[in-house]
Amino acid sequence: MSRDGEDLRVVAFGGGTGLPVLLRGLKDMVGDLVAVVTVADDGGSSGRLRQELGVAPPGDVRNCLVALAGRRRLAEVFSYRFEAGEELRDHAVGNIIIAALADMAGGFCEGVEQAARFLRAKGRVYPASTESLTLVVRCEDGTVVRGESVVREVDKRIDRVEVEPRDAPAPPPVIEAIEEADVVVLSPGSLFTSIIPSLLGGGVREALARFGGPVLYAANVMTQPGETSGFTASDHVRAISRHVGPVITDVLVHRGRIPAPVLDRYAAKGAFPVAVDREQLEREGVRVREADLLSESWEAGVRHDPGKLAREVCEAALVRL
């Protein structure tokens, strides 16, 4: 087992904005880094490319590649969005490049691998599944919603999410990476539309059940209207457990002040701090690690700081090894 952060082998799951933040912090701290990214997005530029070209949605994958990029100027090109025109408006250049590389290479995983080489990514990025997944959301009142982009519009308490096709496997390197990892990390992010979907590729549940190392969940700081309203930290953990089993060993939670004006902005949109119910978490066999995890730049709202988050991940992982 690794006893030094520079030798850690880390597998991180997620999507959206949370996983790239974690990757930016970890890329220069650990020896081997693998990101497993949700491919259930069906909105925006990714959704248009998915519908028009039949390619897996590249947006979340692109954000992770950019976070790991060694060639920063090329990463800026990948992030650029067209603002004019009809067909290209709002498309990210990197999404189009990944779609083109996937078509040329004969597969999405192969296209992502080539994009990573172009960007000199310090780590490996894989989609959660070998094909596009459609999110199927089952609400507690029995309502069934299909499609990631409409989940929050329904605004009902979610019971479970599934993916179609159900038997779509995770890429083999994902399973191999879990088997060889020192630690698995679930990034902050949208619980039902990013984190859990990234875990639903075929074979991942079984690989996590066999995994003997620590599984860390970097908990969300704020609830998300239409998705996790009223959720405590233990509610988040139980939701993950319902989908992939009781695999989480540690939860990282923020401890520190958030300015009142920032909280007021969130409250106006129906979002509030996630209550850390430590006793309930500990009753469920989960260790709680508290630390200051947030960026001190509040203009963009409540955001994890890449360096702070990565340091706590490494320290928590080394304690458990």
Protein backbone atom coordinates (compact mmCIF):
# COMPACT_ATOMS: atom_id res chain seq x y z
CA MET A 1 0.00 0.00 0.00
CA SER A 2 1.14 3.55 -0.75
CA ARG A 3 2.14 5.63 2.28
CA ASP A 4 3.02 8.83 0.42
CA GLY A 5 0.58 11.15 -1.35
CA GLU A 6 2.82 11.28 -4.42
CA ASP A 7 2.44 7.52 -4.80
CA LEU A 8 -1.34 7.36 -4.28
CA ARG A 9 -3.43 5.72 -6.97
CA VAL A 10 -6.77 7.54 -7.04
CA VAL A 11 -10.00 6.84 -8.91
CA ALA A 12 -12.49 9.72 -8.83
CA PHE A 13 -16.15 9.54 -9.90
CA GLY A 14 -18.54 12.38 -10.76
CA GLY A 15 -19.26 15.02 -13.35
CA GLY A 16 -20.55 18.57 -13.67
CA THR A 17 -18.36 21.23 -12.05
CA GLY A 18 -17.42 19.26 -8.93
CA LEU A 19 -15.21 16.58 -10.45
CA PRO A 20 -12.99 19.02 -12.45
CA VAL A 21 -12.36 20.99 -9.23
CA LEU A 22 -11.21 17.83 -7.47
CA LEU A 23 -9.03 16.84 -10.44
CA ARG A 24 -7.32 20.25 -10.61
CA GLY A 25 -6.24 19.82 -7.03
CA LEU A 26 -5.19 16.17 -7.24
CA LYS A 27 -3.29 16.17 -10.53
CA ASP A 28 -0.02 17.41 -9.00
CA MET A 29 -0.44 15.62 -5.65
CA VAL A 30 -0.89 11.95 -6.55
CA GLY A 31 0.96 9.39 -8.59
CA ASP A 32 -1.87 7.97 -10.68
CA LEU A 33 -5.23 9.63 -11.27
CA VAL A 34 -8.25 8.19 -13.08
CA ALA A 35 -11.51 10.13 -13.59
CA VAL A 36 -14.77 8.31 -14.34
CA VAL A 37 -17.29 10.75 -15.78
CA THR A 38 -21.06 10.60 -16.21
CA VAL A 39 -22.36 10.35 -19.79
CA ALA A 40 -26.06 10.93 -19.06
CA ASP A 41 -26.14 14.61 -20.03
CA ASP A 42 -28.77 15.42 -22.66
CA GLY A 43 -28.84 19.21 -22.57
CA GLY A 44 -26.85 22.10 -24.05
CA SER A 45 -23.99 21.56 -26.48
CA SER A 46 -23.50 17.96 -25.33
CA GLY A 47 -27.15 17.14 -25.85
CA ARG A 48 -27.17 18.61 -29.34
CA LEU A 49 -24.12 16.60 -30.39
CA ARG A 50 -25.58 13.49 -28.81
CA GLN A 51 -28.82 13.94 -30.74
CA GLU A 52 -27.31 14.98 -34.08
CA LEU A 53 -24.25 12.70 -34.22
CA GLY A 54 -25.15 9.87 -31.89
CA VAL A 55 -21.94 10.48 -29.92
CA ALA A 56 -21.80 10.17 -26.13
CA PRO A 57 -22.24 13.60 -24.51
CA PRO A 58 -18.71 15.05 -24.33
CA GLY A 59 -19.21 18.10 -22.10
CA ASP A 60 -18.41 16.66 -18.68
CA VAL A 61 -15.52 14.65 -20.14
CA ARG A 62 -14.15 17.81 -21.78
CA ASN A 63 -14.24 19.70 -18.48
CA CYS A 64 -12.23 16.94 -16.81
CA LEU A 65 -9.67 16.85 -19.63
CA VAL A 66 -9.27 20.61 -19.38
CA ALA A 67 -8.78 20.33 -15.61
CA LEU A 68 -5.96 17.82 -16.15
CA ALA A 69 -4.41 19.53 -19.17
CA GLY A 70 -0.71 20.25 -19.28
CA ARG A 71 -1.09 22.38 -22.40
CA ARG A 72 -3.01 25.33 -20.94
CA ARG A 73 -3.36 27.37 -24.15
CA LEU A 74 -4.89 24.39 -25.96
CA ALA A 75 -7.14 23.85 -22.95
CA GLU A 76 -8.42 27.41 -23.42
CA VAL A 77 -9.32 26.53 -27.01
CA PHE A 78 -11.21 23.43 -25.80
CA SER A 79 -13.21 25.62 -23.41
CA TYR A 80 -14.06 28.32 -25.97
CA ARG A 81 -17.74 28.61 -26.89
CA PHE A 82 -19.04 30.10 -30.12
CA GLU A 83 -21.27 33.10 -29.51
CA ALA A 84 -22.45 33.82 -33.05
CA GLY A 85 -24.07 31.93 -35.87
CA GLU A 86 -26.91 29.44 -35.82
CA GLU A 87 -25.51 25.91 -35.87
CA LEU A 88 -22.36 26.58 -33.82
CA ARG A 89 -23.77 28.97 -31.23
CA ASP A 90 -23.09 27.78 -27.63
CA HIS A 91 -21.05 24.79 -28.79
CA ALA A 92 -17.75 24.34 -26.93
CA VAL A 93 -14.86 23.78 -29.32
CA GLY A 94 -13.62 20.87 -27.23
CA ASN A 95 -16.98 19.10 -27.52
CA ILE A 96 -16.74 19.22 -31.31
CA ILE A 97 -13.12 18.06 -31.28
CA ILE A 98 -13.91 15.10 -29.02
CA ALA A 99 -16.87 14.17 -31.21
CA ALA A 100 -14.65 14.31 -34.29
CA LEU A 101 -11.90 12.25 -32.67
CA ALA A 102 -14.44 9.65 -31.53
CA ASP A 103 -15.75 9.36 -35.10
CA MET A 104 -12.24 9.09 -36.55
CA ALA A 105 -11.02 6.61 -33.93
CA GLY A 106 -14.11 4.43 -34.09
CA GLY A 107 -15.26 4.87 -30.49
CA PHE A 108 -15.89 7.45 -27.78
CA CYS A 109 -13.30 6.04 -25.36
CA GLU A 110 -10.69 6.10 -28.11
CA GLY A 111 -11.58 9.68 -29.02
CA VAL A 112 -11.28 10.79 -25.39
CA GLU A 113 -7.89 9.07 -25.15
CA GLN A 114 -6.62 10.96 -28.20
CA ALA A 115 -7.92 14.26 -26.82
CA ALA A 116 -6.08 13.55 -23.57
CA ARG A 117 -2.85 13.06 -25.53
CA PHE A 118 -3.37 16.37 -27.36
CA LEU A 119 -3.86 18.16 -24.05
CA ARG A 120 -1.05 16.24 -22.32
CA ALA A 121 -3.48 15.39 -19.55
CA LYS A 122 -1.90 14.44 -16.22
CA GLY A 123 -4.22 11.53 -15.60
CA ARG A 124 -6.71 9.35 -17.45
CA VAL A 125 -10.35 10.15 -18.19
CA TYR A 126 -13.01 7.54 -18.98
CA PRO A 127 -16.74 7.79 -19.59
CA ALA A 128 -18.85 5.93 -17.02
CA SER A 129 -20.14 3.66 -19.77
CA THR A 130 -19.06 2.51 -23.20
CA GLU A 131 -22.18 4.19 -24.64
CA SER A 132 -24.53 7.11 -23.94
CA LEU A 133 -26.83 6.60 -20.99
CA THR A 134 -30.36 7.95 -20.60
CA LEU A 135 -31.27 8.82 -17.03
CA VAL A 136 -34.54 7.41 -15.72
CA VAL A 137 -35.64 9.08 -12.47
CA ARG A 138 -38.23 7.50 -10.19
CA CYS A 139 -39.78 9.92 -7.69
CA GLU A 140 -41.21 8.95 -4.32
CA ASP A 141 -44.76 9.66 -5.52
CA GLY A 142 -44.37 7.18 -8.38
CA THR A 143 -43.65 9.74 -11.11
CA VAL A 144 -41.09 8.59 -13.68
CA VAL A 145 -38.98 11.18 -15.54
CA ARG A 146 -36.62 10.43 -18.43
CA GLY A 147 -33.68 12.70 -19.22
CA GLU A 148 -31.13 14.46 -17.03
CA SER A 149 -32.04 17.92 -18.31
CA VAL A 150 -35.63 17.85 -16.99
CA VAL A 151 -35.06 16.38 -13.52
CA ARG A 152 -34.99 19.68 -11.62
CA GLU A 153 -38.02 21.00 -13.48
CA VAL A 154 -40.18 18.24 -11.96
CA ASP A 155 -39.18 19.34 -8.43
CA LYS A 156 -40.25 16.15 -6.65
CA ARG A 157 -38.39 14.11 -4.06
CA ILE A 158 -36.33 11.51 -5.88
CA ASP A 159 -36.32 7.89 -4.77
CA ARG A 160 -34.04 6.25 -7.31
CA VAL A 161 -32.29 6.81 -10.62
CA GLU A 162 -31.57 4.19 -13.26
CA VAL A 163 -29.94 4.28 -16.66
CA GLU A 164 -30.86 2.93 -20.06
CA PRO A 165 -29.55 0.70 -21.43
CA ARG A 166 -29.21 -1.07 -18.09
CA ASP A 167 -26.59 -3.53 -19.28
CA ALA A 168 -24.19 -0.92 -20.70
CA PRO A 169 -20.79 -1.85 -19.22
CA ALA A 170 -18.18 0.48 -17.84
CA PRO A 171 -14.99 0.55 -19.94
CA PRO A 172 -12.70 -2.31 -18.83
CA PRO A 173 -9.92 0.13 -17.75
CA VAL A 174 -12.35 1.60 -15.18
CA ILE A 175 -12.77 -1.77 -13.46
CA GLU A 176 -9.02 -2.36 -13.63
CA ALA A 177 -8.34 1.07 -12.12
CA ILE A 178 -10.66 0.37 -9.16
CA GLU A 179 -8.93 -2.96 -8.55
CA GLU A 180 -5.51 -1.28 -8.51
CA ALA A 181 -6.48 1.90 -6.63
CA ASP A 182 -5.43 2.95 -3.14
CA VAL A 183 -8.50 5.16 -2.73
CA VAL A 184 -11.78 5.87 -4.51
CA VAL A 185 -13.26 9.36 -4.28
CA LEU A 186 -16.79 10.52 -5.06
CA SER A 187 -16.58 14.19 -5.99
CA PRO A 188 -18.94 16.95 -4.90
CA GLY A 189 -21.72 17.60 -7.38
CA SER A 190 -25.34 16.97 -8.29
CA LEU A 191 -26.25 13.82 -6.38
CA PHE A 192 -28.78 12.23 -8.71
CA THR A 193 -27.65 13.67 -12.04
CA SER A 194 -23.84 13.53 -11.76
CA ILE A 195 -22.47 11.48 -8.88
CA ILE A 196 -24.78 8.45 -8.92
CA PRO A 197 -24.95 8.18 -12.76
CA SER A 198 -21.14 8.08 -12.87
CA LEU A 199 -21.32 4.92 -10.73
CA LEU A 200 -23.89 3.05 -12.80
CA GLY A 201 -21.73 1.59 -15.56
CA GLY A 202 -21.98 -2.20 -15.57
CA GLY A 203 -19.40 -3.84 -13.31
CA VAL A 204 -18.68 -0.78 -11.13
CA ARG A 205 -20.96 -1.82 -8.26
CA GLU A 206 -19.30 -5.22 -8.07
CA ALA A 207 -15.80 -3.74 -8.31
CA LEU A 208 -16.54 -1.31 -5.46
CA ALA A 209 -17.94 -4.16 -3.34
CA ARG A 210 -14.63 -6.01 -3.78
CA PHE A 211 -12.50 -2.93 -3.16
CA GLY A 212 -10.77 -3.07 0.21
CA GLY A 213 -9.49 0.49 0.44
CA PRO A 214 -11.18 3.70 1.60
CA VAL A 215 -14.05 5.18 -0.40
CA LEU A 216 -14.30 8.91 0.33
CA TYR A 217 -17.33 11.06 -0.42
CA ALA A 218 -16.65 14.80 -0.64
CA ALA A 219 -20.07 15.94 0.52
CA ASN A 220 -22.03 18.76 -1.04
CA VAL A 221 -22.08 21.95 1.00
CA MET A 222 -25.45 23.24 -0.24
CA THR A 223 -28.69 21.48 -1.09
CA GLN A 224 -29.84 21.61 -4.70
CA PRO A 225 -33.40 22.77 -5.42
CA GLY A 226 -35.41 20.18 -7.30
CA GLU A 227 -32.91 17.45 -6.49
CA THR A 228 -31.81 17.36 -2.84
CA SER A 229 -34.01 19.89 -1.05
CA GLY A 230 -34.00 19.12 2.69
CA PHE A 231 -31.25 16.48 2.41
CA THR A 232 -28.76 16.02 5.24
CA ALA A 233 -25.28 14.61 4.74
CA SER A 234 -26.51 11.15 5.77
CA ASP A 235 -29.37 11.42 3.25
CA HIS A 236 -26.75 11.87 0.52
CA VAL A 237 -24.80 8.85 1.75
CA ARG A 238 -27.90 6.66 1.98
CA ALA A 239 -28.94 7.62 -1.54
CA ILE A 240 -25.56 6.51 -2.87
CA SER A 241 -25.79 3.29 -0.85
CA ARG A 242 -29.19 2.46 -2.33
CA HIS A 243 -27.64 2.49 -5.78
CA VAL A 244 -24.19 0.90 -5.31
CA GLY A 245 -24.25 -0.57 -1.81
CA PRO A 246 -22.76 0.65 1.50
CA VAL A 247 -19.31 1.34 0.05
CA ILE A 248 -18.59 4.78 1.55
CA THR A 249 -16.12 4.65 4.44
CA ASP A 250 -15.43 8.37 4.97
CA VAL A 251 -17.24 11.64 4.36
CA LEU A 252 -15.41 14.95 3.93
CA VAL A 253 -17.53 17.91 5.05
CA HIS A 254 -16.88 21.63 5.12
CA ARG A 255 -16.38 23.30 8.48
CA GLY A 256 -16.20 27.05 8.32
CA ARG A 257 -18.07 30.28 7.90
CA ILE A 258 -20.01 31.17 4.74
CA PRO A 259 -20.82 34.90 4.48
CA ALA A 260 -24.44 35.76 5.18
CA PRO A 261 -24.97 37.60 1.86
CA VAL A 262 -23.85 34.45 0.01
CA LEU A 263 -26.26 32.29 1.99
CA ASP A 264 -29.03 34.81 1.33
CA ARG A 265 -28.45 34.51 -2.43
CA TYR A 266 -28.76 30.74 -2.20
CA ALA A 267 -31.80 30.90 0.08
CA ALA A 268 -33.58 33.09 -2.47
CA LYS A 269 -33.26 30.16 -4.90
CA GLY A 270 -34.30 27.54 -2.36
CA ALA A 271 -30.83 26.21 -1.52
CA PHE A 272 -29.54 25.87 2.05
CA PRO A 273 -26.46 24.43 3.81
CA VAL A 274 -26.44 20.64 4.02
CA ALA A 275 -26.82 19.69 7.68
CA VAL A 276 -23.97 17.47 8.87
CA ASP A 277 -25.72 14.89 11.07
CA ARG A 278 -22.53 13.39 12.41
CA GLU A 279 -24.15 10.95 14.86
CA GLN A 280 -26.33 9.42 12.15
CA LEU A 281 -23.36 9.08 9.81
CA GLU A 282 -21.31 7.39 12.52
CA ARG A 283 -24.18 5.03 13.34
CA GLU A 284 -24.03 3.93 9.73
CA GLY A 285 -20.33 3.16 10.05
CA VAL A 286 -19.07 6.22 8.16
CA ARG A 287 -16.23 8.34 9.50
CA VAL A 288 -16.66 12.11 9.33
CA ARG A 289 -13.73 14.39 8.51
CA GLU A 290 -14.34 18.12 8.88
CA ALA A 291 -12.15 20.82 7.35
CA ASP A 292 -12.25 24.18 5.62
CA LEU A 293 -12.80 23.08 2.02
CA LEU A 294 -14.15 26.18 0.30
CA SER A 295 -12.67 28.87 -1.90
CA GLU A 296 -12.53 32.27 -0.24
CA SER A 297 -13.62 33.94 -3.48
CA TRP A 298 -17.37 34.20 -3.03
CA GLU A 299 -18.31 35.99 -6.25
CA ALA A 300 -19.14 32.68 -7.96
CA GLY A 301 -20.90 31.39 -4.87
CA VAL A 302 -20.07 28.40 -2.67
CA ARG A 303 -17.28 26.49 -4.41
CA HIS A 304 -14.76 23.92 -3.21
CA ASP A 305 -11.13 25.01 -3.38
CA PRO A 306 -9.12 22.53 -5.50
CA GLY A 307 -6.04 22.58 -3.29
CA LYS A 308 -7.87 22.35 0.04
CA LEU A 309 -10.10 19.54 -1.19
CA ALA A 310 -7.23 17.55 -2.68
CA ARG A 311 -5.09 17.87 0.46
CA GLU A 312 -7.91 16.56 2.65
CA VAL A 313 -8.55 13.68 0.23
CA CYS A 314 -4.89 12.67 0.37
CA GLU A 315 -4.64 13.00 4.14
CA ALA A 316 -7.87 11.05 4.72
CA ALA A 317 -6.73 8.35 2.30
CA LEU A 318 -3.30 7.95 3.93
CA VAL A 319 -4.85 7.66 7.38
CA ARG A 320 -7.02 4.77 6.20
CA LEU A 321 -4.32 2.89 4.27
